[in-house]
N, C-alpha and C. Protein backbone atom coordinates (compact mmCIF):
# COMPACT_ATOMS: atom_id res chain seq x y z
N MET A 1 -35.73 -77.99 -2.26
CA MET A 1 -34.33 -77.23 -1.41
C MET A 1 -34.77 -76.67 -0.52
N ASP A 2 -33.78 -76.85 0.53
CA ASP A 2 -33.74 -76.69 2.18
C ASP A 2 -33.30 -75.25 2.14
N VAL A 3 -34.00 -73.99 2.36
CA VAL A 3 -33.52 -72.81 2.73
C VAL A 3 -32.40 -72.58 3.21
N LYS A 4 -32.31 -73.49 4.42
CA LYS A 4 -31.06 -73.40 5.26
C LYS A 4 -29.72 -73.59 4.52
N GLU A 5 -29.90 -74.23 3.55
CA GLU A 5 -28.70 -74.78 2.57
C GLU A 5 -28.49 -73.61 1.53
N ALA A 6 -29.48 -72.66 1.36
CA ALA A 6 -29.17 -71.88 0.17
C ALA A 6 -28.29 -70.58 0.57
N ARG A 7 -27.51 -70.32 -0.35
CA ARG A 7 -26.64 -69.14 0.00
C ARG A 7 -27.56 -67.77 0.13
N THR A 8 -27.04 -66.97 1.03
CA THR A 8 -27.66 -65.54 1.33
C THR A 8 -27.69 -64.96 0.20
N CYS A 9 -27.04 -64.69 -0.64
CA CYS A 9 -26.98 -63.70 -1.87
C CYS A 9 -28.17 -64.45 -2.74
N ASP A 10 -28.42 -65.83 -3.12
CA ASP A 10 -29.47 -66.23 -3.88
C ASP A 10 -30.66 -65.88 -3.08
N LEU A 11 -31.04 -66.03 -1.86
CA LEU A 11 -31.93 -65.78 -1.22
C LEU A 11 -32.52 -64.36 -1.20
N VAL A 12 -31.23 -63.49 -1.04
CA VAL A 12 -31.63 -61.88 -1.49
C VAL A 12 -32.18 -61.46 -2.63
N GLU A 13 -31.53 -62.46 -3.80
CA GLU A 13 -32.15 -62.15 -5.02
C GLU A 13 -33.38 -62.56 -5.36
N GLU A 14 -33.94 -63.57 -4.48
CA GLU A 14 -35.50 -64.19 -4.76
C GLU A 14 -36.22 -63.21 -4.11
N LEU A 15 -35.71 -63.03 -2.91
CA LEU A 15 -36.65 -61.72 -2.07
C LEU A 15 -36.93 -60.71 -2.83
N LYS A 16 -35.79 -60.21 -3.66
CA LYS A 16 -35.83 -58.68 -4.65
C LYS A 16 -37.15 -58.85 -5.58
N SER A 17 -36.96 -60.16 -6.17
CA SER A 17 -37.84 -60.30 -7.36
C SER A 17 -39.33 -60.38 -6.90
N ARG A 18 -39.54 -60.32 -5.68
CA ARG A 18 -41.13 -60.43 -5.03
C ARG A 18 -41.82 -59.24 -5.28
N ILE A 19 -43.23 -59.50 -5.33
CA ILE A 19 -43.90 -58.35 -5.15
C ILE A 19 -44.02 -57.69 -3.83
N GLY A 20 -44.18 -56.33 -3.60
CA GLY A 20 -44.20 -55.80 -2.32
C GLY A 20 -42.70 -55.61 -1.74
N ILE A 21 -41.65 -55.94 -2.40
CA ILE A 21 -40.26 -55.91 -1.72
C ILE A 21 -39.76 -54.40 -2.47
N GLU A 22 -39.10 -53.72 -1.63
CA GLU A 22 -38.47 -52.33 -2.00
C GLU A 22 -37.13 -52.67 -1.62
N THR A 23 -36.05 -52.46 -2.64
CA THR A 23 -34.74 -52.76 -2.14
C THR A 23 -33.94 -51.29 -2.21
N GLN A 24 -33.22 -50.92 -1.20
CA GLN A 24 -32.45 -49.68 -1.16
C GLN A 24 -30.94 -50.37 -1.00
N TYR A 25 -29.99 -49.75 -1.58
CA TYR A 25 -28.50 -50.25 -1.71
C TYR A 25 -27.69 -49.00 -1.18
N ALA A 26 -26.79 -49.19 -0.31
CA ALA A 26 -25.84 -48.42 0.19
C ALA A 26 -24.62 -48.58 -0.64
N GLU A 27 -24.03 -47.81 -1.19
CA GLU A 27 -22.60 -47.88 -1.83
C GLU A 27 -21.64 -48.12 -0.50
N PRO A 28 -20.47 -48.57 -0.89
CA PRO A 28 -19.43 -48.61 0.34
C PRO A 28 -19.01 -47.32 0.85
N ASP A 29 -19.17 -47.30 1.95
CA ASP A 29 -18.47 -46.08 2.99
C ASP A 29 -19.65 -44.99 2.73
N LYS A 30 -20.82 -45.26 2.39
CA LYS A 30 -21.99 -44.49 1.97
C LYS A 30 -22.67 -44.59 3.38
N LYS A 31 -23.75 -43.66 3.81
CA LYS A 31 -24.78 -43.79 4.95
C LYS A 31 -26.12 -43.51 4.12
N ILE A 32 -26.82 -44.02 4.25
CA ILE A 32 -28.34 -43.93 3.89
C ILE A 32 -29.32 -43.87 4.89
N SER A 33 -30.51 -43.10 4.69
CA SER A 33 -31.75 -43.22 5.46
C SER A 33 -32.90 -43.71 4.90
N VAL A 34 -33.60 -44.34 5.63
CA VAL A 34 -34.72 -45.26 5.15
C VAL A 34 -35.88 -44.63 5.96
N GLU A 35 -37.36 -44.15 5.52
CA GLU A 35 -38.26 -43.77 6.02
C GLU A 35 -39.57 -45.00 5.57
N MET A 36 -40.25 -45.41 6.50
CA MET A 36 -41.20 -46.20 6.29
C MET A 36 -42.65 -46.11 6.96
N ASN A 37 -43.38 -46.49 6.39
CA ASN A 37 -44.71 -46.59 7.32
C ASN A 37 -45.03 -47.91 7.66
N GLY A 38 -45.33 -48.52 8.61
CA GLY A 38 -45.49 -49.90 8.94
C GLY A 38 -46.87 -50.31 8.53
N PRO A 39 -47.10 -51.64 8.88
CA PRO A 39 -46.32 -52.34 9.14
C PRO A 39 -45.21 -52.88 8.11
N VAL A 40 -44.00 -53.05 8.73
CA VAL A 40 -42.70 -53.34 7.82
C VAL A 40 -41.78 -54.27 8.58
N THR A 41 -41.16 -54.71 7.79
CA THR A 41 -40.00 -55.81 8.31
C THR A 41 -38.61 -55.28 7.60
N VAL A 42 -37.57 -54.88 8.32
CA VAL A 42 -36.28 -54.49 7.59
C VAL A 42 -35.26 -55.41 7.73
N LEU A 43 -34.96 -55.89 6.86
CA LEU A 43 -33.63 -56.75 6.50
C LEU A 43 -32.33 -56.14 6.02
N ILE A 44 -31.24 -56.12 7.10
CA ILE A 44 -29.87 -55.50 6.74
C ILE A 44 -29.11 -56.45 6.32
N VAL A 45 -28.66 -56.78 5.20
CA VAL A 45 -27.60 -57.72 4.60
C VAL A 45 -26.69 -56.94 4.18
N THR A 46 -25.33 -57.30 4.85
CA THR A 46 -24.16 -56.73 4.68
C THR A 46 -23.45 -57.77 3.68
N ASP A 47 -22.80 -57.32 2.62
CA ASP A 47 -22.22 -58.47 1.64
C ASP A 47 -20.59 -57.71 1.29
């Protein structure tokens, strides 16, 4: 499967299942703060 053809929601679900992945979820109209020690890559997925 070509990942370029995959739906974003499917890619996110797969990433969430991987070791080393931490997920933070912000409810609609809520603001969250996240603190991390690097190295880290942050992906912001607006759904």
